[in-house]
Amino acid sequence: MMTEHRVTTKAELLADIQRSWDALNVTLERLTESQMTLLQDEQGWTVKDHLIHLMRWERSVVFFLQNQPRHAGLGVDEALYLNGSVDEINAVIFQQCKDLPLQDALAQFRDVHQQLLKLLQPLTDVDLQKPYRHYLPDEPGDDEGPPALNVIYGNSAHHFAEHQSWIEALVKGAS
């Protein structure tokens, strides 16, 4: 998932990631297990499904920063990643993980987040301004791609905030 450029420095990126992570976790801490696993939105997703989705896209950034294909981090075929829509990718992730127990989903969600933070520690502002192609030079495409900072932001801070609002709406709609 890509987004427009919203932060320009590592310090801003880390602050936004922390702020949105904390806000999302405050929301999650208020929920019961049944609220996280039984309530469904219009697409049939539970809160747990949203968390798995967030984890997989954040994991794709972990792979990206390790110069590994993002499709592997998402857990989808390369052809689907390169040629499918985001909705098609999300549908495959949903099908793969719908039966994952909540505790496993939460553990993976937290673990992947820690992996991302650890990978960000040694990076500089210059590293974060390097284009997508610097990290994944063999991925098809005609241009250099967005700065790494945008890829990270769009799949962490921005993504967390986006799904937090959907999770809150899902839970509110059920009460």
C-alpha atoms as a PDB file:
ATOM      1  CA  MET A   1       0.000   0.000   0.000  1.00  0.00           C
ATOM      2  CA  MET A   2       1.456   3.339  -1.040  1.00  0.00           C
ATOM      3  CA  THR A   3       0.562   6.792   0.157  1.00  0.00           C
ATOM      4  CA  GLU A   4       1.595  10.334  -0.555  1.00  0.00           C
ATOM      5  CA  HIS A   5       4.710  11.606   1.165  1.00  0.00           C
ATOM      6  CA  ARG A   6       3.789  12.890   4.624  1.00  0.00           C
ATOM      7  CA  VAL A   7       7.007  12.897   6.608  1.00  0.00           C
ATOM      8  CA  THR A   8      10.454  13.973   5.507  1.00  0.00           C
ATOM      9  CA  THR A   9      12.844  12.770   8.191  1.00  0.00           C
ATOM     10  CA  LYS A  10      13.571   9.621  10.152  1.00  0.00           C
ATOM     11  CA  ALA A  11      12.637  11.434  13.362  1.00  0.00           C
ATOM     12  CA  GLU A  12       9.222  12.371  11.951  1.00  0.00           C
ATOM     13  CA  LEU A  13       8.726   8.852  10.611  1.00  0.00           C
ATOM     14  CA  LEU A  14       9.542   7.211  13.938  1.00  0.00           C
ATOM     15  CA  ALA A  15       7.348   9.668  15.859  1.00  0.00           C
ATOM     16  CA  ASP A  16       4.392   9.051  13.535  1.00  0.00           C
ATOM     17  CA  ILE A  17       4.866   5.285  13.677  1.00  0.00           C
ATOM     18  CA  GLN A  18       4.961   5.375  17.484  1.00  0.00           C
ATOM     19  CA  ARG A  19       1.954   7.691  17.730  1.00  0.00           C
ATOM     20  CA  SER A  20      -0.231   5.601  15.406  1.00  0.00           C
ATOM     21  CA  TRP A  21       0.963   2.297  16.924  1.00  0.00           C
ATOM     22  CA  ASP A  22       0.130   3.526  20.430  1.00  0.00           C
ATOM     23  CA  ALA A  23      -3.286   4.820  19.356  1.00  0.00           C
ATOM     24  CA  LEU A  24      -4.143   1.546  17.636  1.00  0.00           C
ATOM     25  CA  ASN A  25      -3.062  -0.457  20.669  1.00  0.00           C
ATOM     26  CA  VAL A  26      -5.146   1.704  23.015  1.00  0.00           C
ATOM     27  CA  THR A  27      -8.136   0.831  20.836  1.00  0.00           C
ATOM     28  CA  LEU A  28      -7.245  -2.866  20.851  1.00  0.00           C
ATOM     29  CA  GLU A  29      -6.781  -2.972  24.629  1.00  0.00           C
ATOM     30  CA  ARG A  30     -10.420  -1.910  25.075  1.00  0.00           C
ATOM     31  CA  LEU A  31     -11.728  -4.859  23.080  1.00  0.00           C
ATOM     32  CA  THR A  32     -12.725  -8.279  24.281  1.00  0.00           C
ATOM     33  CA  GLU A  33     -11.652 -11.440  22.508  1.00  0.00           C
ATOM     34  CA  SER A  34     -15.153 -11.890  21.128  1.00  0.00           C
ATOM     35  CA  GLN A  35     -15.203  -8.312  19.799  1.00  0.00           C
ATOM     36  CA  MET A  36     -11.918  -9.045  18.021  1.00  0.00           C
ATOM     37  CA  THR A  37     -12.989 -12.379  16.554  1.00  0.00           C
ATOM     38  CA  LEU A  38     -16.760 -12.363  16.057  1.00  0.00           C
ATOM     39  CA  LEU A  39     -17.793  -8.905  14.870  1.00  0.00           C
ATOM     40  CA  GLN A  40     -17.484  -8.512  11.103  1.00  0.00           C
ATOM     41  CA  ASP A  41     -17.436  -5.497   8.838  1.00  0.00           C
ATOM     42  CA  GLU A  42     -19.140  -5.287   5.444  1.00  0.00           C
ATOM     43  CA  GLN A  43     -16.276  -7.244   3.845  1.00  0.00           C
ATOM     44  CA  GLY A  44     -16.572 -10.012   6.427  1.00  0.00           C
ATOM     45  CA  TRP A  45     -13.383  -8.980   8.224  1.00  0.00           C
ATOM     46  CA  THR A  46     -13.016  -9.174  11.982  1.00  0.00           C
ATOM     47  CA  VAL A  47     -10.678  -7.002  14.038  1.00  0.00           C
ATOM     48  CA  LYS A  48      -8.303  -9.990  13.999  1.00  0.00           C
ATOM     49  CA  ASP A  49      -8.394  -9.984  10.181  1.00  0.00           C
ATOM     50  CA  HIS A  50      -7.507  -6.287  10.140  1.00  0.00           C
ATOM     51  CA  LEU A  51      -4.521  -6.993  12.404  1.00  0.00           C
ATOM     52  CA  ILE A  52      -3.305  -9.832  10.190  1.00  0.00           C
ATOM     53  CA  HIS A  53      -3.657  -7.573   7.161  1.00  0.00           C
ATOM     54  CA  LEU A  54      -1.634  -4.843   8.880  1.00  0.00           C
ATOM     55  CA  MET A  55       0.991  -7.377   9.955  1.00  0.00           C
ATOM     56  CA  ARG A  56       1.440  -8.787   6.448  1.00  0.00           C
ATOM     57  CA  TRP A  57       1.811  -5.365   4.807  1.00  0.00           C
ATOM     58  CA  GLU A  58       4.224  -4.227   7.523  1.00  0.00           C
ATOM     59  CA  ARG A  59       6.103  -7.516   7.056  1.00  0.00           C
ATOM     60  CA  SER A  60       6.373  -6.690   3.352  1.00  0.00           C
ATOM     61  CA  VAL A  61       8.301  -3.570   4.407  1.00  0.00           C
ATOM     62  CA  VAL A  62      10.541  -5.643   6.677  1.00  0.00           C
ATOM     63  CA  PHE A  63      11.336  -7.799   3.652  1.00  0.00           C
ATOM     64  CA  PHE A  64      11.800  -4.665   1.494  1.00  0.00           C
ATOM     65  CA  LEU A  65      14.373  -3.259   3.932  1.00  0.00           C
ATOM     66  CA  GLN A  66      16.162  -6.625   3.881  1.00  0.00           C
ATOM     67  CA  ASN A  67      16.290  -6.515   0.043  1.00  0.00           C
ATOM     68  CA  GLN A  68      13.854  -9.422  -0.181  1.00  0.00           C
ATOM     69  CA  PRO A  69      10.785  -9.420  -2.430  1.00  0.00           C
ATOM     70  CA  ARG A  70       7.751  -7.834  -0.841  1.00  0.00           C
ATOM     71  CA  HIS A  71       5.464 -10.548  -2.185  1.00  0.00           C
ATOM     72  CA  ALA A  72       7.300 -13.005   0.070  1.00  0.00           C
ATOM     73  CA  GLY A  73       6.595 -10.770   3.069  1.00  0.00           C
ATOM     74  CA  LEU A  74       2.954 -10.611   2.069  1.00  0.00           C
ATOM     75  CA  GLY A  75       2.869 -14.373   1.615  1.00  0.00           C
ATOM     76  CA  VAL A  76       1.488 -14.179  -1.931  1.00  0.00           C
ATOM     77  CA  ASP A  77       2.684 -15.307  -5.338  1.00  0.00           C
ATOM     78  CA  GLU A  78       4.947 -12.934  -7.211  1.00  0.00           C
ATOM     79  CA  ALA A  79       2.553 -12.874 -10.179  1.00  0.00           C
ATOM     80  CA  LEU A  80      -0.319 -11.789  -7.944  1.00  0.00           C
ATOM     81  CA  TYR A  81       1.821  -9.107  -6.322  1.00  0.00           C
ATOM     82  CA  LEU A  82       3.027  -7.740  -9.642  1.00  0.00           C
ATOM     83  CA  ASN A  83      -0.197  -8.030 -11.614  1.00  0.00           C
ATOM     84  CA  GLY A  84      -3.077  -8.273  -9.153  1.00  0.00           C
ATOM     85  CA  SER A  85      -4.954  -5.521  -7.421  1.00  0.00           C
ATOM     86  CA  VAL A  86      -4.498  -4.653  -3.771  1.00  0.00           C
ATOM     87  CA  ASP A  87      -7.982  -6.067  -3.175  1.00  0.00           C
ATOM     88  CA  GLU A  88      -6.964  -9.382  -4.774  1.00  0.00           C
ATOM     89  CA  ILE A  89      -3.806  -9.532  -2.652  1.00  0.00           C
ATOM     90  CA  ASN A  90      -5.823  -8.732   0.484  1.00  0.00           C
ATOM     91  CA  ALA A  91      -8.359 -11.441  -0.380  1.00  0.00           C
ATOM     92  CA  VAL A  92      -5.598 -14.062  -0.604  1.00  0.00           C
ATOM     93  CA  ILE A  93      -4.125 -12.952   2.720  1.00  0.00           C
ATOM     94  CA  PHE A  94      -7.597 -13.116   4.283  1.00  0.00           C
ATOM     95  CA  GLN A  95      -8.174 -16.654   2.998  1.00  0.00           C
ATOM     96  CA  GLN A  96      -4.733 -17.815   4.152  1.00  0.00           C
ATOM     97  CA  CYS A  97      -5.106 -16.466   7.675  1.00  0.00           C
ATOM     98  CA  LYS A  98      -8.797 -16.450   8.556  1.00  0.00           C
ATOM     99  CA  ASP A  99      -8.394 -19.461  10.868  1.00  0.00           C
ATOM    100  CA  LEU A 100      -5.300 -18.162  12.682  1.00  0.00           C
ATOM    101  CA  PRO A 101      -6.022 -17.979  16.420  1.00  0.00           C
ATOM    102  CA  LEU A 102      -6.273 -14.465  17.861  1.00  0.00           C
ATOM    103  CA  GLN A 103      -3.296 -14.923  20.197  1.00  0.00           C
ATOM    104  CA  ASP A 104      -1.089 -16.002  17.273  1.00  0.00           C
ATOM    105  CA  ALA A 105      -2.291 -13.063  15.199  1.00  0.00           C
ATOM    106  CA  LEU A 106      -1.518 -10.623  18.010  1.00  0.00           C
ATOM    107  CA  ALA A 107       1.909 -12.163  18.614  1.00  0.00           C
ATOM    108  CA  GLN A 108       2.817 -11.946  14.910  1.00  0.00           C
ATOM    109  CA  PHE A 109       1.480  -8.380  14.722  1.00  0.00           C
ATOM    110  CA  ARG A 110       3.700  -7.278  17.614  1.00  0.00           C
ATOM    111  CA  ASP A 111       6.714  -9.286  16.466  1.00  0.00           C
ATOM    112  CA  VAL A 112       6.716  -7.871  12.955  1.00  0.00           C
ATOM    113  CA  HIS A 113       6.395  -4.352  14.339  1.00  0.00           C
ATOM    114  CA  GLN A 114       9.462  -4.882  16.510  1.00  0.00           C
ATOM    115  CA  GLN A 115      11.336  -6.244  13.492  1.00  0.00           C
ATOM    116  CA  LEU A 116      10.536  -3.070  11.555  1.00  0.00           C
ATOM    117  CA  LEU A 117      11.657  -0.798  14.387  1.00  0.00           C
ATOM    118  CA  LYS A 118      14.912  -2.731  14.704  1.00  0.00           C
ATOM    119  CA  LEU A 119      15.577  -2.409  10.967  1.00  0.00           C
ATOM    120  CA  LEU A 120      14.897   1.332  11.081  1.00  0.00           C
ATOM    121  CA  GLN A 121      17.413   1.978  13.887  1.00  0.00           C
ATOM    122  CA  PRO A 122      20.592   2.066  11.769  1.00  0.00           C
ATOM    123  CA  LEU A 123      19.020   3.874   8.809  1.00  0.00           C
ATOM    124  CA  THR A 124      19.758   7.527   8.183  1.00  0.00           C
ATOM    125  CA  ASP A 125      17.664  10.215   6.536  1.00  0.00           C
ATOM    126  CA  VAL A 126      19.768   9.640   3.414  1.00  0.00           C
ATOM    127  CA  ASP A 127      18.970   5.901   3.475  1.00  0.00           C
ATOM    128  CA  LEU A 128      15.271   6.665   3.805  1.00  0.00           C
ATOM    129  CA  GLN A 129      15.336   8.987   0.799  1.00  0.00           C
ATOM    130  CA  LYS A 130      16.805   6.285  -1.435  1.00  0.00           C
ATOM    131  CA  PRO A 131      14.291   5.106  -4.016  1.00  0.00           C
ATOM    132  CA  TYR A 132      12.380   1.863  -3.959  1.00  0.00           C
ATOM    133  CA  ARG A 133      14.645   0.442  -6.666  1.00  0.00           C
ATOM    134  CA  HIS A 134      17.677   0.845  -4.388  1.00  0.00           C
ATOM    135  CA  TYR A 135      16.194  -1.729  -2.017  1.00  0.00           C
ATOM    136  CA  LEU A 136      14.660  -4.009  -4.646  1.00  0.00           C
ATOM    137  CA  PRO A 137      16.655  -3.478  -7.846  1.00  0.00           C
ATOM    138  CA  ASP A 138      15.325  -6.614  -9.552  1.00  0.00           C
ATOM    139  CA  GLU A 139      11.648  -5.805  -9.147  1.00  0.00           C
ATOM    140  CA  PRO A 140      10.037  -4.928 -12.490  1.00  0.00           C
ATOM    141  CA  GLY A 141       9.143  -1.340 -13.221  1.00  0.00           C
ATOM    142  CA  ASP A 142      10.077   1.575 -15.389  1.00  0.00           C
ATOM    143  CA  ASP A 143      11.145   4.079 -12.774  1.00  0.00           C
ATOM    144  CA  GLU A 144      13.041   4.323  -9.512  1.00  0.00           C
ATOM    145  CA  GLY A 145       9.901   4.314  -7.385  1.00  0.00           C
ATOM    146  CA  PRO A 146       9.072   6.354  -4.296  1.00  0.00           C
ATOM    147  CA  PRO A 147      11.546   7.024  -1.510  1.00  0.00           C
ATOM    148  CA  ALA A 148      11.833   4.208   1.033  1.00  0.00           C
ATOM    149  CA  LEU A 149      10.446   6.607   3.638  1.00  0.00           C
ATOM    150  CA  ASN A 150       7.114   6.726   1.762  1.00  0.00           C
ATOM    151  CA  VAL A 151       6.947   2.937   1.462  1.00  0.00           C
ATOM    152  CA  ILE A 152       7.583   2.523   5.182  1.00  0.00           C
ATOM    153  CA  TYR A 153       5.170   5.273   6.220  1.00  0.00           C
ATOM    154  CA  GLY A 154       2.381   3.993   3.994  1.00  0.00           C
ATOM    155  CA  ASN A 155       2.651   0.479   5.403  1.00  0.00           C
ATOM    156  CA  SER A 156       3.020   1.464   9.045  1.00  0.00           C
ATOM    157  CA  ALA A 157       1.913   4.816  10.524  1.00  0.00           C
ATOM    158  CA  HIS A 158      -0.574   5.690   7.786  1.00  0.00           C
ATOM    159  CA  HIS A 159      -1.876   2.129   7.542  1.00  0.00           C
ATOM    160  CA  PHE A 160      -2.319   1.786  11.322  1.00  0.00           C
ATOM    161  CA  ALA A 161      -4.352   5.004  11.498  1.00  0.00           C
ATOM    162  CA  GLU A 162      -6.482   3.992   8.523  1.00  0.00           C
ATOM    163  CA  HIS A 163      -7.388   0.621  10.010  1.00  0.00           C
ATOM    164  CA  GLN A 164      -7.847   1.997  13.525  1.00  0.00           C
ATOM    165  CA  SER A 165     -10.745   4.094  12.253  1.00  0.00           C
ATOM    166  CA  TRP A 166     -12.245   1.050  10.519  1.00  0.00           C
ATOM    167  CA  ILE A 167     -11.825  -1.089  13.639  1.00  0.00           C
ATOM    168  CA  GLU A 168     -13.471   1.575  15.798  1.00  0.00           C
ATOM    169  CA  ALA A 169     -16.364   1.840  13.324  1.00  0.00           C
ATOM    170  CA  LEU A 170     -16.744  -1.941  13.256  1.00  0.00           C
ATOM    171  CA  VAL A 171     -16.975  -2.183  17.032  1.00  0.00           C
ATOM    172  CA  LYS A 172     -19.195   0.904  17.358  1.00  0.00           C
ATOM    173  CA  GLY A 173     -21.548  -0.410  14.673  1.00  0.00           C
ATOM    174  CA  ALA A 174     -22.074  -3.591  16.653  1.00  0.00           C
ATOM    175  CA  SER A 175     -22.973  -1.882  19.914  1.00  0.00           C
END
